[in-house]
Amino acid sequence: MFKEIGIFDEMKQTLDKLNGKGILLIAGDPPNPMTIGWGTLGVIWNHSIFTIMVRPTRYTFPLIEKAMDFSVCLLSDSFNEQLAFCGSKSGRDHDKIKECGFTMEPGIRISTPYIASSYLHYECRIVHKHFLDPVTIDKSIDKRFYPKKDYHMVYYGEIQGVFSH
């Protein structure tokens, strides 16, 4: 069972998880969980937005490119092994949902499902996307995070709801 909470009620906990072991991005059909450690929560265009980034080399990239939405799931520390697996293995080679023992539940407000064992999840509708511009990125960031010049696509997801389980 879940309850809807305020969009920014768990912002600190979400950012702490992003900065720690990560959280799971779910996108695509069939859905693929991918551990992310970068993202932002905020307000843009008078909308509550969850911004995520995906490199074109990732298996998730063509899946999210076809999607209209995505979910972001927070898991307890007892799932750290699964988070590590989903961040280091590709959906090209693994059925991460099956191998991690995840059960998916239908999205409440979007078509993308969420992980039933998550204690919190965000449901987001993609309202904009763009590639990072290598011309305008700080040179030290470019050197450190983009030595292969594989710049992320940035997805802006309007938050449709946040649900606590």
N, C-alpha and C. Protein backbone atom coordinates (compact mmCIF):
# COMPACT_ATOMS: atom_id res chain seq x y z
N MET A 1 0.84 -1.18 0.00
CA MET A 1 0.00 0.00 0.00
C MET A 1 0.89 1.24 0.00
N PHE A 2 0.42 2.30 -0.58
CA PHE A 2 1.19 3.53 -0.67
C PHE A 2 0.32 4.71 -0.26
N LYS A 3 1.01 5.81 0.03
CA LYS A 3 0.29 7.06 0.25
C LYS A 3 1.02 8.15 -0.51
N GLU A 4 0.27 9.05 -1.08
CA GLU A 4 0.89 10.17 -1.79
C GLU A 4 1.37 11.19 -0.77
N ILE A 5 2.57 11.71 -1.01
CA ILE A 5 3.14 12.72 -0.12
C ILE A 5 3.47 13.96 -0.95
N GLY A 6 3.84 15.03 -0.27
CA GLY A 6 4.22 16.26 -0.96
C GLY A 6 5.45 16.05 -1.83
N ILE A 7 5.50 16.74 -2.93
CA ILE A 7 6.55 16.53 -3.92
C ILE A 7 7.95 16.70 -3.33
N PHE A 8 8.14 17.66 -2.44
CA PHE A 8 9.47 17.90 -1.89
C PHE A 8 9.61 17.44 -0.44
N ASP A 9 8.64 16.67 0.06
CA ASP A 9 8.69 16.20 1.45
C ASP A 9 9.93 15.37 1.76
N GLU A 10 10.39 14.57 0.81
CA GLU A 10 11.54 13.69 1.03
C GLU A 10 12.74 14.11 0.17
N MET A 11 12.83 15.40 -0.12
CA MET A 11 13.89 15.91 -0.99
C MET A 11 15.28 15.64 -0.39
N LYS A 12 15.47 15.93 0.88
CA LYS A 12 16.78 15.73 1.50
C LYS A 12 17.17 14.26 1.44
N GLN A 13 16.26 13.38 1.80
CA GLN A 13 16.55 11.94 1.77
C GLN A 13 16.87 11.48 0.34
N THR A 14 16.14 11.99 -0.64
CA THR A 14 16.38 11.64 -2.04
C THR A 14 17.76 12.09 -2.48
N LEU A 15 18.13 13.32 -2.15
CA LEU A 15 19.45 13.83 -2.52
C LEU A 15 20.56 13.10 -1.79
N ASP A 16 20.31 12.73 -0.53
CA ASP A 16 21.31 11.94 0.22
C ASP A 16 21.53 10.58 -0.46
N LYS A 17 20.46 9.94 -0.90
CA LYS A 17 20.57 8.64 -1.59
C LYS A 17 21.31 8.80 -2.92
N LEU A 18 21.00 9.88 -3.66
CA LEU A 18 21.71 10.13 -4.92
C LEU A 18 23.20 10.28 -4.67
N ASN A 19 23.54 10.96 -3.61
CA ASN A 19 24.94 11.23 -3.27
C ASN A 19 25.60 10.03 -2.58
N GLY A 20 24.82 9.01 -2.24
CA GLY A 20 25.33 7.82 -1.57
C GLY A 20 25.40 6.65 -2.53
N LYS A 21 24.63 5.60 -2.25
CA LYS A 21 24.64 4.38 -3.07
C LYS A 21 23.83 4.52 -4.35
N GLY A 22 23.04 5.59 -4.46
CA GLY A 22 22.25 5.82 -5.66
C GLY A 22 20.81 5.39 -5.50
N ILE A 23 20.05 5.67 -6.54
CA ILE A 23 18.63 5.32 -6.62
C ILE A 23 18.39 4.71 -8.00
N LEU A 24 17.24 4.10 -8.19
CA LEU A 24 16.97 3.42 -9.45
C LEU A 24 16.06 4.24 -10.35
N LEU A 25 16.52 4.45 -11.56
CA LEU A 25 15.72 5.02 -12.63
C LEU A 25 15.09 3.84 -13.36
N ILE A 26 13.78 3.91 -13.58
CA ILE A 26 13.08 2.88 -14.34
C ILE A 26 12.53 3.55 -15.59
N ALA A 27 12.90 3.00 -16.74
CA ALA A 27 12.43 3.56 -18.00
C ALA A 27 12.35 2.46 -19.04
N GLY A 28 11.50 2.66 -20.02
CA GLY A 28 11.46 1.79 -21.17
C GLY A 28 10.40 0.73 -21.15
N ASP A 29 10.31 0.05 -22.29
CA ASP A 29 9.37 -1.04 -22.47
C ASP A 29 10.08 -2.12 -23.27
N PRO A 30 10.54 -3.20 -22.64
CA PRO A 30 10.29 -3.54 -21.24
C PRO A 30 11.11 -2.64 -20.31
N PRO A 31 10.62 -2.46 -19.09
CA PRO A 31 11.31 -1.56 -18.16
C PRO A 31 12.69 -2.08 -17.76
N ASN A 32 13.61 -1.14 -17.61
CA ASN A 32 14.98 -1.49 -17.24
C ASN A 32 15.39 -0.60 -16.07
N PRO A 33 15.80 -1.19 -14.94
CA PRO A 33 16.29 -0.38 -13.83
C PRO A 33 17.77 -0.04 -14.02
N MET A 34 18.11 1.22 -13.81
CA MET A 34 19.48 1.69 -13.92
C MET A 34 19.79 2.54 -12.70
N THR A 35 20.86 2.23 -12.00
CA THR A 35 21.25 3.01 -10.84
C THR A 35 21.79 4.36 -11.29
N ILE A 36 21.30 5.42 -10.66
CA ILE A 36 21.79 6.76 -10.96
C ILE A 36 22.29 7.40 -9.68
N GLY A 37 23.30 8.22 -9.82
CA GLY A 37 23.86 8.95 -8.70
C GLY A 37 23.85 10.45 -8.95
N TRP A 38 23.35 10.85 -10.10
CA TRP A 38 23.26 12.27 -10.44
C TRP A 38 21.81 12.59 -10.76
N GLY A 39 21.33 13.69 -10.25
CA GLY A 39 19.98 14.15 -10.53
C GLY A 39 19.70 15.39 -9.70
N THR A 40 18.65 16.08 -10.06
CA THR A 40 18.25 17.27 -9.31
C THR A 40 16.74 17.30 -9.14
N LEU A 41 16.32 17.93 -8.08
CA LEU A 41 14.91 18.21 -7.83
C LEU A 41 14.77 19.72 -7.73
N GLY A 42 13.74 20.26 -8.35
CA GLY A 42 13.55 21.70 -8.27
C GLY A 42 12.32 22.15 -9.01
N VAL A 43 12.26 23.45 -9.26
CA VAL A 43 11.13 24.04 -9.95
C VAL A 43 11.64 24.77 -11.19
N ILE A 44 11.10 24.39 -12.35
CA ILE A 44 11.41 25.03 -13.62
C ILE A 44 10.08 25.22 -14.36
N TRP A 45 9.92 26.36 -14.97
CA TRP A 45 8.70 26.66 -15.73
C TRP A 45 7.44 26.51 -14.87
N ASN A 46 7.56 26.84 -13.59
CA ASN A 46 6.45 26.70 -12.63
C ASN A 46 5.99 25.26 -12.44
N HIS A 47 6.87 24.31 -12.76
CA HIS A 47 6.58 22.89 -12.57
C HIS A 47 7.63 22.27 -11.65
N SER A 48 7.22 21.30 -10.87
CA SER A 48 8.15 20.53 -10.05
C SER A 48 8.83 19.52 -10.98
N ILE A 49 10.17 19.55 -10.99
CA ILE A 49 10.94 18.78 -11.97
C ILE A 49 11.97 17.90 -11.29
N PHE A 50 12.08 16.65 -11.77
CA PHE A 50 13.17 15.75 -11.40
C PHE A 50 14.01 15.62 -12.67
N THR A 51 15.26 16.07 -12.61
CA THR A 51 16.14 16.02 -13.75
C THR A 51 17.10 14.84 -13.61
N ILE A 52 17.18 14.04 -14.65
CA ILE A 52 18.08 12.88 -14.66
C ILE A 52 18.93 12.94 -15.93
N MET A 53 20.02 12.15 -15.95
CA MET A 53 20.93 12.16 -17.09
C MET A 53 21.23 10.72 -17.51
N VAL A 54 21.26 10.50 -18.84
CA VAL A 54 21.58 9.17 -19.37
C VAL A 54 22.52 9.34 -20.56
N ARG A 55 23.61 8.59 -20.55
CA ARG A 55 24.56 8.63 -21.67
C ARG A 55 24.01 7.81 -22.84
N PRO A 56 24.27 8.24 -24.06
CA PRO A 56 23.80 7.51 -25.24
C PRO A 56 24.35 6.09 -25.35
N THR A 57 25.45 5.80 -24.67
CA THR A 57 26.05 4.46 -24.72
C THR A 57 25.33 3.46 -23.83
N ARG A 58 24.45 3.93 -22.95
CA ARG A 58 23.76 3.05 -22.01
C ARG A 58 22.59 2.34 -22.68
N TYR A 59 22.32 1.14 -22.23
CA TYR A 59 21.17 0.36 -22.71
C TYR A 59 19.86 1.12 -22.49
N THR A 60 19.79 1.87 -21.40
CA THR A 60 18.58 2.63 -21.06
C THR A 60 18.29 3.74 -22.06
N PHE A 61 19.32 4.25 -22.74
CA PHE A 61 19.14 5.41 -23.61
C PHE A 61 18.07 5.21 -24.69
N PRO A 62 18.15 4.18 -25.54
CA PRO A 62 17.08 4.05 -26.54
C PRO A 62 15.72 3.77 -25.92
N LEU A 63 15.71 3.15 -24.74
CA LEU A 63 14.44 2.88 -24.06
C LEU A 63 13.77 4.18 -23.61
N ILE A 64 14.56 5.06 -22.96
CA ILE A 64 13.96 6.31 -22.46
C ILE A 64 13.67 7.27 -23.61
N GLU A 65 14.42 7.15 -24.70
CA GLU A 65 14.16 8.00 -25.86
C GLU A 65 12.76 7.74 -26.44
N LYS A 66 12.28 6.51 -26.32
CA LYS A 66 10.94 6.15 -26.82
C LYS A 66 9.86 6.40 -25.76
N ALA A 67 10.27 6.65 -24.54
CA ALA A 67 9.32 6.77 -23.43
C ALA A 67 8.75 8.18 -23.31
N MET A 68 7.63 8.26 -22.67
CA MET A 68 7.01 9.54 -22.36
C MET A 68 7.22 9.90 -20.89
N ASP A 69 7.71 8.92 -20.11
CA ASP A 69 7.81 9.13 -18.67
C ASP A 69 8.85 8.20 -18.08
N PHE A 70 9.12 8.36 -16.78
CA PHE A 70 10.04 7.49 -16.05
C PHE A 70 9.67 7.53 -14.58
N SER A 71 10.10 6.50 -13.85
CA SER A 71 9.94 6.51 -12.41
C SER A 71 11.33 6.45 -11.76
N VAL A 72 11.40 6.97 -10.55
CA VAL A 72 12.64 6.97 -9.78
C VAL A 72 12.31 6.35 -8.44
N CYS A 73 13.03 5.27 -8.08
CA CYS A 73 12.70 4.48 -6.91
C CYS A 73 13.83 4.52 -5.88
N LEU A 74 13.47 4.76 -4.62
CA LEU A 74 14.41 4.71 -3.51
C LEU A 74 14.22 3.39 -2.78
N LEU A 75 15.35 2.71 -2.54
CA LEU A 75 15.34 1.41 -1.88
C LEU A 75 16.10 1.51 -0.56
N SER A 76 15.74 0.67 0.38
CA SER A 76 16.44 0.64 1.67
C SER A 76 17.85 0.10 1.48
N ASP A 77 18.69 0.29 2.49
CA ASP A 77 20.08 -0.16 2.42
C ASP A 77 20.20 -1.67 2.25
N SER A 78 19.15 -2.41 2.56
CA SER A 78 19.21 -3.87 2.37
C SER A 78 19.28 -4.24 0.89
N PHE A 79 19.07 -3.27 0.00
CA PHE A 79 19.13 -3.51 -1.44
C PHE A 79 20.41 -2.97 -2.07
N ASN A 80 21.42 -2.68 -1.27
CA ASN A 80 22.67 -2.12 -1.81
C ASN A 80 23.32 -3.03 -2.85
N GLU A 81 23.22 -4.33 -2.66
CA GLU A 81 23.79 -5.27 -3.62
C GLU A 81 23.08 -5.15 -4.97
N GLN A 82 21.76 -5.03 -4.94
CA GLN A 82 20.98 -4.88 -6.17
C GLN A 82 21.27 -3.53 -6.84
N LEU A 83 21.43 -2.48 -6.02
CA LEU A 83 21.78 -1.17 -6.57
C LEU A 83 23.12 -1.24 -7.29
N ALA A 84 24.09 -1.91 -6.68
CA ALA A 84 25.42 -2.06 -7.30
C ALA A 84 25.31 -2.85 -8.60
N PHE A 85 24.52 -3.91 -8.59
CA PHE A 85 24.32 -4.73 -9.79
C PHE A 85 23.71 -3.90 -10.91
N CYS A 86 22.65 -3.15 -10.60
CA CYS A 86 21.96 -2.37 -11.63
C CYS A 86 22.80 -1.19 -12.12
N GLY A 87 23.83 -0.83 -11.38
CA GLY A 87 24.72 0.24 -11.80
C GLY A 87 25.95 -0.25 -12.52
N SER A 88 26.19 -1.55 -12.49
CA SER A 88 27.41 -2.07 -13.12
C SER A 88 27.15 -3.08 -14.23
N LYS A 89 25.93 -3.55 -14.35
CA LYS A 89 25.58 -4.53 -15.39
C LYS A 89 24.61 -3.90 -16.37
N SER A 90 24.70 -4.32 -17.61
CA SER A 90 23.85 -3.76 -18.66
C SER A 90 22.61 -4.62 -18.86
N GLY A 91 21.51 -3.95 -19.13
CA GLY A 91 20.28 -4.64 -19.50
C GLY A 91 20.40 -5.34 -20.84
N ARG A 92 21.45 -5.03 -21.60
CA ARG A 92 21.70 -5.74 -22.86
C ARG A 92 22.02 -7.21 -22.58
N ASP A 93 22.69 -7.43 -21.44
CA ASP A 93 23.20 -8.76 -21.10
C ASP A 93 22.47 -9.43 -19.94
N HIS A 94 21.67 -8.67 -19.21
CA HIS A 94 21.02 -9.19 -18.01
C HIS A 94 19.57 -8.73 -17.94
N ASP A 95 18.72 -9.60 -17.43
CA ASP A 95 17.36 -9.21 -17.05
C ASP A 95 17.46 -8.77 -15.60
N LYS A 96 17.71 -7.48 -15.39
CA LYS A 96 17.99 -6.99 -14.05
C LYS A 96 16.81 -7.15 -13.10
N ILE A 97 15.62 -7.04 -13.61
CA ILE A 97 14.43 -7.21 -12.75
C ILE A 97 14.39 -8.63 -12.20
N LYS A 98 14.58 -9.59 -13.09
CA LYS A 98 14.56 -11.00 -12.68
C LYS A 98 15.75 -11.33 -11.78
N GLU A 99 16.94 -10.92 -12.20
CA GLU A 99 18.15 -11.29 -11.45
C GLU A 99 18.22 -10.62 -10.07
N CYS A 100 17.58 -9.47 -9.93
CA CYS A 100 17.56 -8.80 -8.62
C CYS A 100 16.35 -9.21 -7.78
N GLY A 101 15.45 -9.98 -8.36
CA GLY A 101 14.26 -10.42 -7.64
C GLY A 101 13.24 -9.31 -7.43
N PHE A 102 13.25 -8.30 -8.31
CA PHE A 102 12.31 -7.19 -8.19
C PHE A 102 10.93 -7.59 -8.71
N THR A 103 9.92 -7.07 -8.06
CA THR A 103 8.55 -7.16 -8.55
C THR A 103 8.15 -5.76 -8.98
N MET A 104 7.59 -5.67 -10.17
CA MET A 104 7.17 -4.36 -10.68
C MET A 104 5.68 -4.16 -10.43
N GLU A 105 5.33 -2.93 -10.13
CA GLU A 105 3.92 -2.53 -9.97
C GLU A 105 3.59 -1.49 -11.02
N PRO A 106 2.38 -1.48 -11.55
CA PRO A 106 2.02 -0.47 -12.54
C PRO A 106 2.13 0.94 -11.96
N GLY A 107 2.57 1.87 -12.80
CA GLY A 107 2.60 3.26 -12.37
C GLY A 107 1.21 3.73 -11.96
N ILE A 108 1.16 4.66 -11.05
CA ILE A 108 -0.11 5.18 -10.56
C ILE A 108 -0.63 6.27 -11.49
N ARG A 109 0.28 7.15 -11.95
CA ARG A 109 -0.10 8.25 -12.82
C ARG A 109 0.60 8.23 -14.17
N ILE A 110 1.53 7.31 -14.35
CA ILE A 110 2.28 7.21 -15.60
C ILE A 110 2.27 5.77 -16.09
N SER A 111 2.76 5.57 -17.31
CA SER A 111 2.75 4.20 -17.86
C SER A 111 3.93 3.37 -17.37
N THR A 112 5.01 4.01 -16.92
CA THR A 112 6.18 3.28 -16.45
C THR A 112 5.91 2.71 -15.05
N PRO A 113 6.25 1.43 -14.82
CA PRO A 113 6.05 0.85 -13.50
C PRO A 113 7.10 1.31 -12.50
N TYR A 114 6.92 0.89 -11.27
CA TYR A 114 7.90 1.15 -10.21
C TYR A 114 8.19 -0.17 -9.50
N ILE A 115 9.27 -0.19 -8.71
CA ILE A 115 9.66 -1.39 -7.99
C ILE A 115 8.84 -1.48 -6.71
N ALA A 116 8.14 -2.58 -6.53
CA ALA A 116 7.24 -2.76 -5.39
C ALA A 116 7.95 -2.62 -4.06
N SER A 117 9.20 -3.05 -3.98
CA SER A 117 9.93 -2.99 -2.71
C SER A 117 10.56 -1.63 -2.43
N SER A 118 10.36 -0.67 -3.31
CA SER A 118 10.87 0.68 -3.00
C SER A 118 10.03 1.27 -1.87
N TYR A 119 10.66 2.07 -1.03
CA TYR A 119 9.89 2.70 0.04
C TYR A 119 9.39 4.08 -0.37
N LEU A 120 9.86 4.55 -1.51
CA LEU A 120 9.45 5.85 -2.02
C LEU A 120 9.69 5.83 -3.52
N HIS A 121 8.75 6.37 -4.28
CA HIS A 121 9.02 6.51 -5.71
C HIS A 121 8.37 7.77 -6.26
N TYR A 122 9.05 8.31 -7.28
CA TYR A 122 8.59 9.49 -8.01
C TYR A 122 8.09 9.03 -9.37
N GLU A 123 7.02 9.63 -9.85
CA GLU A 123 6.52 9.36 -11.19
C GLU A 123 6.63 10.66 -11.98
N CYS A 124 7.33 10.61 -13.11
CA CYS A 124 7.68 11.81 -13.86
C CYS A 124 7.32 11.68 -15.33
N ARG A 125 6.81 12.77 -15.89
CA ARG A 125 6.48 12.87 -17.32
C ARG A 125 7.55 13.73 -17.98
N ILE A 126 8.17 13.22 -19.02
CA ILE A 126 9.25 13.95 -19.70
C ILE A 126 8.66 15.17 -20.41
N VAL A 127 9.18 16.36 -20.05
CA VAL A 127 8.69 17.60 -20.66
C VAL A 127 9.77 18.29 -21.50
N HIS A 128 11.02 17.85 -21.37
CA HIS A 128 12.10 18.44 -22.17
C HIS A 128 13.32 17.55 -22.06
N LYS A 129 14.19 17.64 -23.06
CA LYS A 129 15.47 16.93 -23.03
C LYS A 129 16.45 17.69 -23.90
N HIS A 130 17.72 17.55 -23.58
CA HIS A 130 18.77 18.13 -24.41
C HIS A 130 20.10 17.48 -24.04
N PHE A 131 21.03 17.46 -25.00
CA PHE A 131 22.38 16.99 -24.72
C PHE A 131 23.15 18.09 -24.01
N LEU A 132 24.05 17.69 -23.12
CA LEU A 132 24.97 18.65 -22.53
C LEU A 132 25.81 19.25 -23.65
N ASP A 133 26.09 20.52 -23.55
CA ASP A 133 26.86 21.22 -24.57
C ASP A 133 28.32 21.26 -24.15
N PRO A 134 29.19 20.57 -24.86
CA PRO A 134 30.60 20.54 -24.47
C PRO A 134 31.28 21.91 -24.53
N VAL A 135 30.74 22.82 -25.30
CA VAL A 135 31.32 24.15 -25.41
C VAL A 135 31.12 24.95 -24.12
N THR A 136 30.00 24.71 -23.44
CA THR A 136 29.69 25.53 -22.27
C THR A 136 29.97 24.85 -20.94
N ILE A 137 30.39 23.60 -20.97
CA ILE A 137 30.65 22.89 -19.71
C ILE A 137 32.02 23.30 -19.17
N ASP A 138 32.12 23.41 -17.87
CA ASP A 138 33.39 23.76 -17.22
C ASP A 138 34.46 22.75 -17.65
N LYS A 139 35.62 23.25 -17.98
CA LYS A 139 36.70 22.40 -18.52
C LYS A 139 37.13 21.31 -17.53
N SER A 140 37.14 21.61 -16.23
CA SER A 140 37.55 20.59 -15.27
C SER A 140 36.51 19.47 -15.17
N ILE A 141 35.23 19.81 -15.29
CA ILE A 141 34.17 18.79 -15.31
C ILE A 141 34.28 17.96 -16.58
N ASP A 142 34.49 18.63 -17.71
CA ASP A 142 34.62 17.94 -18.98
C ASP A 142 35.78 16.94 -18.94
N LYS A 143 36.91 17.37 -18.43
CA LYS A 143 38.09 16.52 -18.37
C LYS A 143 37.87 15.32 -17.45
N ARG A 144 37.24 15.57 -16.30
CA ARG A 144 37.06 14.50 -15.30
C ARG A 144 35.97 13.50 -15.68
N PHE A 145 34.82 13.99 -16.16
CA PHE A 145 33.66 13.11 -16.36
C PHE A 145 33.39 12.73 -17.81
N TYR A 146 34.06 13.40 -18.76
CA TYR A 146 33.79 13.13 -20.17
C TYR A 146 35.07 12.93 -20.99
N PRO A 147 36.00 12.09 -20.51
CA PRO A 147 37.22 11.87 -21.30
C PRO A 147 36.92 11.22 -22.66
N LYS A 148 35.81 10.49 -22.73
CA LYS A 148 35.42 9.83 -24.00
C LYS A 148 34.47 10.70 -24.82
N LYS A 149 34.16 11.89 -24.29
CA LYS A 149 33.25 12.84 -24.97
C LYS A 149 31.86 12.24 -25.17
N ASP A 150 31.43 11.40 -24.23
CA ASP A 150 30.12 10.74 -24.27
C ASP A 150 29.14 11.51 -23.38
N TYR A 151 28.78 12.69 -23.85
CA TYR A 151 27.96 13.61 -23.07
C TYR A 151 26.55 13.08 -22.84
N HIS A 152 26.04 13.33 -21.64
CA HIS A 152 24.70 12.89 -21.25
C HIS A 152 23.60 13.62 -22.01
N MET A 153 22.48 12.92 -22.16
CA MET A 153 21.21 13.57 -22.47
C MET A 153 20.59 13.89 -21.12
N VAL A 154 20.10 15.11 -20.97
CA VAL A 154 19.45 15.54 -19.73
C VAL A 154 17.95 15.48 -19.97
N TYR A 155 17.24 14.78 -19.08
CA TYR A 155 15.78 14.65 -19.16
C TYR A 155 15.14 15.41 -18.01
N TYR A 156 14.17 16.22 -18.35
CA TYR A 156 13.42 16.98 -17.36
C TYR A 156 12.08 16.30 -17.19
N GLY A 157 11.86 15.72 -16.01
CA GLY A 157 10.61 15.01 -15.74
C GLY A 157 9.72 15.82 -14.81
N GLU A 158 8.57 16.24 -15.32
CA GLU A 158 7.61 16.92 -14.46
C GLU A 158 7.05 15.88 -13.49
N ILE A 159 7.19 16.14 -12.21
CA ILE A 159 6.77 15.18 -11.19
C ILE A 159 5.25 15.12 -11.13
N GLN A 160 4.71 13.94 -11.41
CA GLN A 160 3.27 13.72 -11.41
C GLN A 160 2.76 13.27 -10.05
N GLY A 161 3.68 12.75 -9.24
CA GLY A 161 3.31 12.30 -7.90
C GLY A 161 4.51 11.66 -7.22
N VAL A 162 4.50 11.72 -5.90
CA VAL A 162 5.53 11.07 -5.07
C VAL A 162 4.77 10.18 -4.10
N PHE A 163 5.20 8.92 -4.01
CA PHE A 163 4.45 7.94 -3.25
C PHE A 163 5.35 7.23 -2.25
N SER A 164 4.89 7.20 -1.01
CA SER A 164 5.59 6.53 0.08
C SER A 164 4.93 5.17 0.29
N HIS A 165 5.74 4.14 0.54
CA HIS A 165 5.21 2.77 0.66
C HIS A 165 5.40 2.26 2.08
